[in-house]
Amino acid sequence: MKTLVIGASPNPLRYSNKAVKHLIAYEKEVVAIGKRETTIGDVEVLTGTPPLKDIHTVTLYVGPANQEDYLDYIISLRPKRIIFNPGTYNRVLEEKAIQDGIECIEDCTLVMLNMETF
């Protein structure tokens, strides 16, 4: 199950960074997109809207004001679900996703992993 983290930061204090590391620890395949090319552990952080395949879950770490460039991109990836982490909920994205049959969850990826509900 491949997970895309949008808003990945190299800063170890950021939740997106912790999410990438936790996903790896839970043996999930991770792809990350951030503002600049860097790495988090062994995961290369990509920029922009790279062509990706077989994304099961998109987990968001960017607020609605910074999601505009990603709306159509996320839908085009055809994920099975989108996780809106705290502070990232976007009604417009949720409506588009639901229309395309994509499950939307308002939750915290870190908590979901720890509770084994991911």
N, C-alpha and C. Protein backbone atom coordinates (compact mmCIF):
# COMPACT_ATOMS: atom_id res chain seq x y z
N MET A 1 0.86 -1.17 0.00
CA MET A 1 0.00 0.00 0.00
C MET A 1 0.91 1.23 0.00
N LYS A 2 0.97 1.94 -1.12
CA LYS A 2 1.83 3.10 -1.26
C LYS A 2 1.11 4.36 -0.78
N THR A 3 1.80 5.13 0.07
CA THR A 3 1.23 6.35 0.65
C THR A 3 2.02 7.55 0.16
N LEU A 4 1.30 8.57 -0.27
CA LEU A 4 1.90 9.84 -0.67
C LEU A 4 1.68 10.86 0.43
N VAL A 5 2.78 11.41 0.93
CA VAL A 5 2.74 12.47 1.94
C VAL A 5 2.93 13.79 1.20
N ILE A 6 1.92 14.65 1.22
CA ILE A 6 2.04 15.97 0.59
C ILE A 6 2.26 17.00 1.69
N GLY A 7 3.35 17.75 1.53
CA GLY A 7 3.73 18.73 2.54
C GLY A 7 4.90 18.25 3.38
N ALA A 8 5.65 17.28 2.85
CA ALA A 8 6.77 16.69 3.59
C ALA A 8 7.85 17.73 3.86
N SER A 9 8.33 17.74 5.09
CA SER A 9 9.35 18.70 5.51
C SER A 9 10.57 17.97 6.04
N PRO A 10 11.77 18.50 5.76
CA PRO A 10 12.97 17.88 6.33
C PRO A 10 13.15 18.20 7.81
N ASN A 11 12.33 19.10 8.34
CA ASN A 11 12.42 19.49 9.75
C ASN A 11 11.87 18.37 10.63
N PRO A 12 12.71 17.75 11.46
CA PRO A 12 12.24 16.62 12.28
C PRO A 12 11.17 16.99 13.31
N LEU A 13 10.94 18.27 13.54
CA LEU A 13 9.89 18.68 14.47
C LEU A 13 8.52 18.77 13.81
N ARG A 14 8.48 18.73 12.48
CA ARG A 14 7.21 18.84 11.76
C ARG A 14 6.50 17.49 11.72
N TYR A 15 5.18 17.53 11.80
CA TYR A 15 4.40 16.28 11.79
C TYR A 15 4.54 15.52 10.47
N SER A 16 4.70 16.23 9.38
CA SER A 16 4.88 15.55 8.09
C SER A 16 6.15 14.71 8.09
N ASN A 17 7.20 15.22 8.71
CA ASN A 17 8.46 14.49 8.81
C ASN A 17 8.26 13.25 9.68
N LYS A 18 7.57 13.43 10.80
CA LYS A 18 7.29 12.30 11.69
C LYS A 18 6.43 11.26 10.99
N ALA A 19 5.49 11.72 10.16
CA ALA A 19 4.61 10.78 9.44
C ALA A 19 5.42 9.92 8.47
N VAL A 20 6.32 10.54 7.72
CA VAL A 20 7.17 9.77 6.80
C VAL A 20 7.95 8.72 7.57
N LYS A 21 8.56 9.12 8.67
CA LYS A 21 9.36 8.18 9.46
C LYS A 21 8.51 7.07 10.08
N HIS A 22 7.31 7.41 10.54
CA HIS A 22 6.42 6.40 11.11
C HIS A 22 5.92 5.44 10.03
N LEU A 23 5.59 5.96 8.87
CA LEU A 23 5.15 5.09 7.77
C LEU A 23 6.24 4.07 7.43
N ILE A 24 7.48 4.53 7.38
CA ILE A 24 8.60 3.63 7.11
C ILE A 24 8.71 2.59 8.24
N ALA A 25 8.62 3.06 9.47
CA ALA A 25 8.73 2.15 10.62
C ALA A 25 7.64 1.08 10.60
N TYR A 26 6.46 1.45 10.07
CA TYR A 26 5.36 0.51 9.96
C TYR A 26 5.38 -0.25 8.63
N GLU A 27 6.52 -0.16 7.95
CA GLU A 27 6.78 -0.90 6.71
C GLU A 27 5.80 -0.56 5.60
N LYS A 28 5.44 0.71 5.51
CA LYS A 28 4.60 1.20 4.41
C LYS A 28 5.50 1.81 3.35
N GLU A 29 5.12 1.65 2.10
CA GLU A 29 5.85 2.28 1.01
C GLU A 29 5.47 3.76 0.98
N VAL A 30 6.45 4.64 0.94
CA VAL A 30 6.20 6.07 1.07
C VAL A 30 6.79 6.84 -0.11
N VAL A 31 6.00 7.79 -0.60
CA VAL A 31 6.44 8.79 -1.56
C VAL A 31 6.13 10.12 -0.90
N ALA A 32 7.04 11.10 -1.06
CA ALA A 32 6.84 12.38 -0.39
C ALA A 32 7.02 13.54 -1.36
N ILE A 33 6.17 14.55 -1.19
CA ILE A 33 6.26 15.79 -1.96
C ILE A 33 6.36 16.94 -0.95
N GLY A 34 7.30 17.84 -1.21
CA GLY A 34 7.48 19.00 -0.36
C GLY A 34 7.84 20.23 -1.17
N LYS A 35 8.19 21.30 -0.47
CA LYS A 35 8.53 22.57 -1.14
C LYS A 35 9.88 22.51 -1.83
N ARG A 36 10.79 21.69 -1.30
CA ARG A 36 12.11 21.60 -1.91
C ARG A 36 12.60 20.16 -1.89
N GLU A 37 13.49 19.85 -2.85
CA GLU A 37 14.04 18.51 -2.93
C GLU A 37 14.98 18.30 -1.75
N THR A 38 14.77 17.22 -1.06
CA THR A 38 15.58 16.86 0.10
C THR A 38 15.34 15.38 0.35
N THR A 39 15.70 14.91 1.52
CA THR A 39 15.39 13.54 1.91
C THR A 39 14.94 13.51 3.36
N ILE A 40 14.14 12.52 3.65
CA ILE A 40 13.75 12.21 5.03
C ILE A 40 14.10 10.73 5.21
N GLY A 41 15.15 10.48 5.95
CA GLY A 41 15.67 9.11 6.02
C GLY A 41 16.11 8.71 4.63
N ASP A 42 15.58 7.59 4.15
CA ASP A 42 15.90 7.12 2.80
C ASP A 42 14.88 7.58 1.77
N VAL A 43 13.90 8.35 2.18
CA VAL A 43 12.84 8.79 1.26
C VAL A 43 13.22 10.11 0.61
N GLU A 44 13.24 10.11 -0.71
CA GLU A 44 13.51 11.33 -1.46
C GLU A 44 12.25 12.18 -1.46
N VAL A 45 12.37 13.45 -1.11
CA VAL A 45 11.23 14.36 -1.15
C VAL A 45 11.24 15.04 -2.52
N LEU A 46 10.17 14.82 -3.26
CA LEU A 46 10.01 15.37 -4.60
C LEU A 46 9.34 16.73 -4.50
N THR A 47 9.35 17.48 -5.60
CA THR A 47 8.65 18.76 -5.65
C THR A 47 7.65 18.75 -6.79
N GLY A 48 6.74 19.71 -6.76
CA GLY A 48 5.77 19.85 -7.84
C GLY A 48 4.73 18.76 -7.83
N THR A 49 4.37 18.31 -9.02
CA THR A 49 3.35 17.28 -9.19
C THR A 49 3.91 16.16 -10.07
N PRO A 50 4.83 15.37 -9.53
CA PRO A 50 5.47 14.33 -10.33
C PRO A 50 4.50 13.23 -10.73
N PRO A 51 4.75 12.60 -11.87
CA PRO A 51 3.89 11.47 -12.27
C PRO A 51 4.12 10.28 -11.33
N LEU A 52 3.06 9.84 -10.70
CA LEU A 52 3.15 8.72 -9.77
C LEU A 52 2.08 7.71 -10.12
N LYS A 53 2.33 6.47 -9.76
CA LYS A 53 1.37 5.39 -10.02
C LYS A 53 1.14 4.60 -8.74
N ASP A 54 -0.01 3.96 -8.70
CA ASP A 54 -0.34 3.02 -7.63
C ASP A 54 -0.34 3.64 -6.24
N ILE A 55 -0.82 4.87 -6.14
CA ILE A 55 -0.94 5.52 -4.84
C ILE A 55 -2.23 5.06 -4.18
N HIS A 56 -2.13 4.45 -3.03
CA HIS A 56 -3.32 4.00 -2.31
C HIS A 56 -3.88 5.12 -1.44
N THR A 57 -2.99 5.80 -0.71
CA THR A 57 -3.42 6.82 0.24
C THR A 57 -2.64 8.10 0.02
N VAL A 58 -3.35 9.23 0.04
CA VAL A 58 -2.72 10.55 0.07
C VAL A 58 -2.98 11.11 1.45
N THR A 59 -1.93 11.49 2.15
CA THR A 59 -2.09 12.10 3.46
C THR A 59 -1.55 13.52 3.39
N LEU A 60 -2.40 14.46 3.78
CA LEU A 60 -2.12 15.88 3.59
C LEU A 60 -1.53 16.55 4.82
N TYR A 61 -0.47 17.32 4.57
CA TYR A 61 0.16 18.15 5.61
C TYR A 61 0.33 19.58 5.11
N VAL A 62 -0.56 20.00 4.22
CA VAL A 62 -0.60 21.40 3.78
C VAL A 62 -2.02 21.88 3.99
N GLY A 63 -2.15 23.10 4.47
CA GLY A 63 -3.46 23.67 4.73
C GLY A 63 -4.21 23.96 3.44
N PRO A 64 -5.52 24.19 3.55
CA PRO A 64 -6.35 24.44 2.37
C PRO A 64 -5.84 25.57 1.49
N ALA A 65 -5.29 26.62 2.07
CA ALA A 65 -4.80 27.75 1.28
C ALA A 65 -3.63 27.36 0.38
N ASN A 66 -2.93 26.31 0.73
CA ASN A 66 -1.78 25.86 -0.06
C ASN A 66 -2.05 24.60 -0.87
N GLN A 67 -3.31 24.19 -0.94
CA GLN A 67 -3.66 22.96 -1.66
C GLN A 67 -4.08 23.20 -3.10
N GLU A 68 -4.32 24.43 -3.48
CA GLU A 68 -4.89 24.74 -4.80
C GLU A 68 -4.16 24.02 -5.93
N ASP A 69 -2.83 24.05 -5.92
CA ASP A 69 -2.05 23.43 -7.00
C ASP A 69 -2.13 21.91 -6.99
N TYR A 70 -2.63 21.34 -5.92
CA TYR A 70 -2.67 19.89 -5.79
C TYR A 70 -4.05 19.27 -6.03
N LEU A 71 -5.10 20.07 -6.07
CA LEU A 71 -6.46 19.51 -6.13
C LEU A 71 -6.64 18.54 -7.28
N ASP A 72 -6.45 19.00 -8.51
CA ASP A 72 -6.64 18.12 -9.66
C ASP A 72 -5.60 17.01 -9.70
N TYR A 73 -4.40 17.33 -9.26
CA TYR A 73 -3.31 16.34 -9.22
C TYR A 73 -3.69 15.16 -8.33
N ILE A 74 -4.17 15.45 -7.14
CA ILE A 74 -4.55 14.38 -6.21
C ILE A 74 -5.63 13.50 -6.82
N ILE A 75 -6.64 14.13 -7.38
CA ILE A 75 -7.73 13.35 -8.01
C ILE A 75 -7.18 12.50 -9.15
N SER A 76 -6.24 13.06 -9.94
CA SER A 76 -5.69 12.33 -11.09
C SER A 76 -4.90 11.09 -10.68
N LEU A 77 -4.42 11.06 -9.45
CA LEU A 77 -3.67 9.90 -8.96
C LEU A 77 -4.59 8.71 -8.66
N ARG A 78 -5.88 8.97 -8.55
CA ARG A 78 -6.89 7.94 -8.26
C ARG A 78 -6.56 7.14 -7.00
N PRO A 79 -6.27 7.83 -5.89
CA PRO A 79 -6.02 7.07 -4.66
C PRO A 79 -7.30 6.45 -4.14
N LYS A 80 -7.16 5.49 -3.28
CA LYS A 80 -8.33 4.88 -2.63
C LYS A 80 -8.87 5.80 -1.54
N ARG A 81 -7.95 6.57 -0.90
CA ARG A 81 -8.41 7.46 0.17
C ARG A 81 -7.47 8.66 0.32
N ILE A 82 -8.04 9.68 0.94
CA ILE A 82 -7.30 10.88 1.31
C ILE A 82 -7.47 11.07 2.80
N ILE A 83 -6.37 11.29 3.50
CA ILE A 83 -6.42 11.58 4.92
C ILE A 83 -6.17 13.07 5.10
N PHE A 84 -7.15 13.75 5.66
CA PHE A 84 -7.02 15.16 6.01
C PHE A 84 -6.54 15.22 7.46
N ASN A 85 -5.24 15.46 7.63
CA ASN A 85 -4.69 15.60 8.97
C ASN A 85 -5.20 16.90 9.58
N PRO A 86 -5.09 17.09 10.89
CA PRO A 86 -5.60 18.31 11.53
C PRO A 86 -5.10 19.58 10.82
N GLY A 87 -6.04 20.46 10.51
CA GLY A 87 -5.71 21.72 9.86
C GLY A 87 -5.65 21.67 8.34
N THR A 88 -5.93 20.51 7.75
CA THR A 88 -5.82 20.38 6.29
C THR A 88 -7.16 20.16 5.59
N TYR A 89 -8.25 20.05 6.34
CA TYR A 89 -9.54 19.75 5.72
C TYR A 89 -9.91 20.81 4.68
N ASN A 90 -10.35 20.32 3.52
CA ASN A 90 -10.72 21.18 2.40
C ASN A 90 -12.01 20.62 1.79
N ARG A 91 -13.11 21.33 1.97
CA ARG A 91 -14.40 20.87 1.47
C ARG A 91 -14.40 20.67 -0.04
N VAL A 92 -13.75 21.56 -0.77
CA VAL A 92 -13.71 21.46 -2.24
C VAL A 92 -13.03 20.16 -2.66
N LEU A 93 -11.88 19.88 -2.06
CA LEU A 93 -11.17 18.64 -2.39
C LEU A 93 -12.00 17.43 -1.99
N GLU A 94 -12.61 17.48 -0.82
CA GLU A 94 -13.43 16.35 -0.38
C GLU A 94 -14.56 16.08 -1.36
N GLU A 95 -15.25 17.12 -1.79
CA GLU A 95 -16.37 16.94 -2.74
C GLU A 95 -15.88 16.35 -4.06
N LYS A 96 -14.76 16.85 -4.59
CA LYS A 96 -14.21 16.30 -5.83
C LYS A 96 -13.84 14.83 -5.65
N ALA A 97 -13.22 14.54 -4.52
CA ALA A 97 -12.78 13.17 -4.26
C ALA A 97 -13.96 12.22 -4.14
N ILE A 98 -14.96 12.61 -3.39
CA ILE A 98 -16.14 11.75 -3.21
C ILE A 98 -16.82 11.49 -4.55
N GLN A 99 -16.89 12.51 -5.40
CA GLN A 99 -17.48 12.33 -6.73
C GLN A 99 -16.71 11.28 -7.54
N ASP A 100 -15.43 11.15 -7.28
CA ASP A 100 -14.61 10.16 -7.99
C ASP A 100 -14.48 8.85 -7.22
N GLY A 101 -15.25 8.69 -6.16
CA GLY A 101 -15.24 7.45 -5.41
C GLY A 101 -14.05 7.28 -4.48
N ILE A 102 -13.43 8.39 -4.09
CA ILE A 102 -12.29 8.34 -3.20
C ILE A 102 -12.76 8.58 -1.76
N GLU A 103 -12.38 7.69 -0.87
CA GLU A 103 -12.75 7.83 0.54
C GLU A 103 -11.99 9.00 1.15
N CYS A 104 -12.67 9.79 1.95
CA CYS A 104 -12.04 10.91 2.65
C CYS A 104 -12.17 10.73 4.15
N ILE A 105 -11.06 10.92 4.84
CA ILE A 105 -11.02 10.72 6.28
C ILE A 105 -10.39 11.95 6.92
N GLU A 106 -11.05 12.47 7.95
CA GLU A 106 -10.45 13.52 8.77
C GLU A 106 -9.88 12.84 10.00
N ASP A 107 -8.56 12.72 10.03
CA ASP A 107 -7.92 12.00 11.12
C ASP A 107 -6.45 12.40 11.15
N CYS A 108 -5.68 11.73 11.94
CA CYS A 108 -4.25 11.98 12.06
C CYS A 108 -3.51 10.70 11.68
N THR A 109 -2.68 10.81 10.67
CA THR A 109 -1.93 9.64 10.20
C THR A 109 -1.13 9.00 11.33
N LEU A 110 -0.48 9.81 12.15
CA LEU A 110 0.33 9.27 13.24
C LEU A 110 -0.52 8.47 14.23
N VAL A 111 -1.68 9.01 14.58
CA VAL A 111 -2.57 8.30 15.49
C VAL A 111 -3.10 7.03 14.84
N MET A 112 -3.48 7.12 13.58
CA MET A 112 -3.98 5.94 12.87
C MET A 112 -2.94 4.82 12.86
N LEU A 113 -1.68 5.17 12.61
CA LEU A 113 -0.62 4.15 12.61
C LEU A 113 -0.47 3.54 14.00
N ASN A 114 -0.43 4.39 15.02
CA ASN A 114 -0.26 3.90 16.39
C ASN A 114 -1.43 3.06 16.87
N MET A 115 -2.63 3.39 16.39
CA MET A 115 -3.83 2.66 16.79
C MET A 115 -4.11 1.47 15.87
N GLU A 116 -3.24 1.28 14.87
CA GLU A 116 -3.37 0.20 13.89
C GLU A 116 -4.68 0.29 13.10
N THR A 117 -5.11 1.53 12.81
CA THR A 117 -6.30 1.73 11.99
C THR A 117 -5.94 2.33 10.64
N PHE A 118 -4.67 2.40 10.34
CA PHE A 118 -4.22 2.97 9.08
C PHE A 118 -4.56 2.03 7.95
